[in-house]
Amino acid sequence: MMLQINPVYEPQMSQGSESLAAEWVAFRRCADMDPNVFFPNDGAGVIVAQKVCAQCPVADACREYALANNITHGVWGGTSERQRRRILRDRRRASKAARAA
């Protein structure tokens, strides 16, 4: 699926691409920020990064990019490393349950 961005910067998926495209990066709120903000060493730093992401118009696309590409470090789309591990675990469990049904 290819990610398309409309002028209101709401990402929409279209069929035909093999993976999430990174076109959403043009609209990210963190573009002009120090990348170190999103790779904190403590919980307080995670909260700071998540506040930036909370105002970002493409946070969902950013989070899905991190999940799809198994990015294990930093805050992406407002989610910490731990939160993304939980999301992936929950999705695996839901997928397994759906197959079993």
Foldseek 3Di string as FASTA:
>chain_A
DEWDQDPVGATDDDDDDPDYDPPSVVQFQCPPPDCVLFQDPDPVSLVSVLVSLVPGNCLVSQLVVCLVVVPQGGAGSSDHSVRSVVVVVVVVVVVVVVVVD
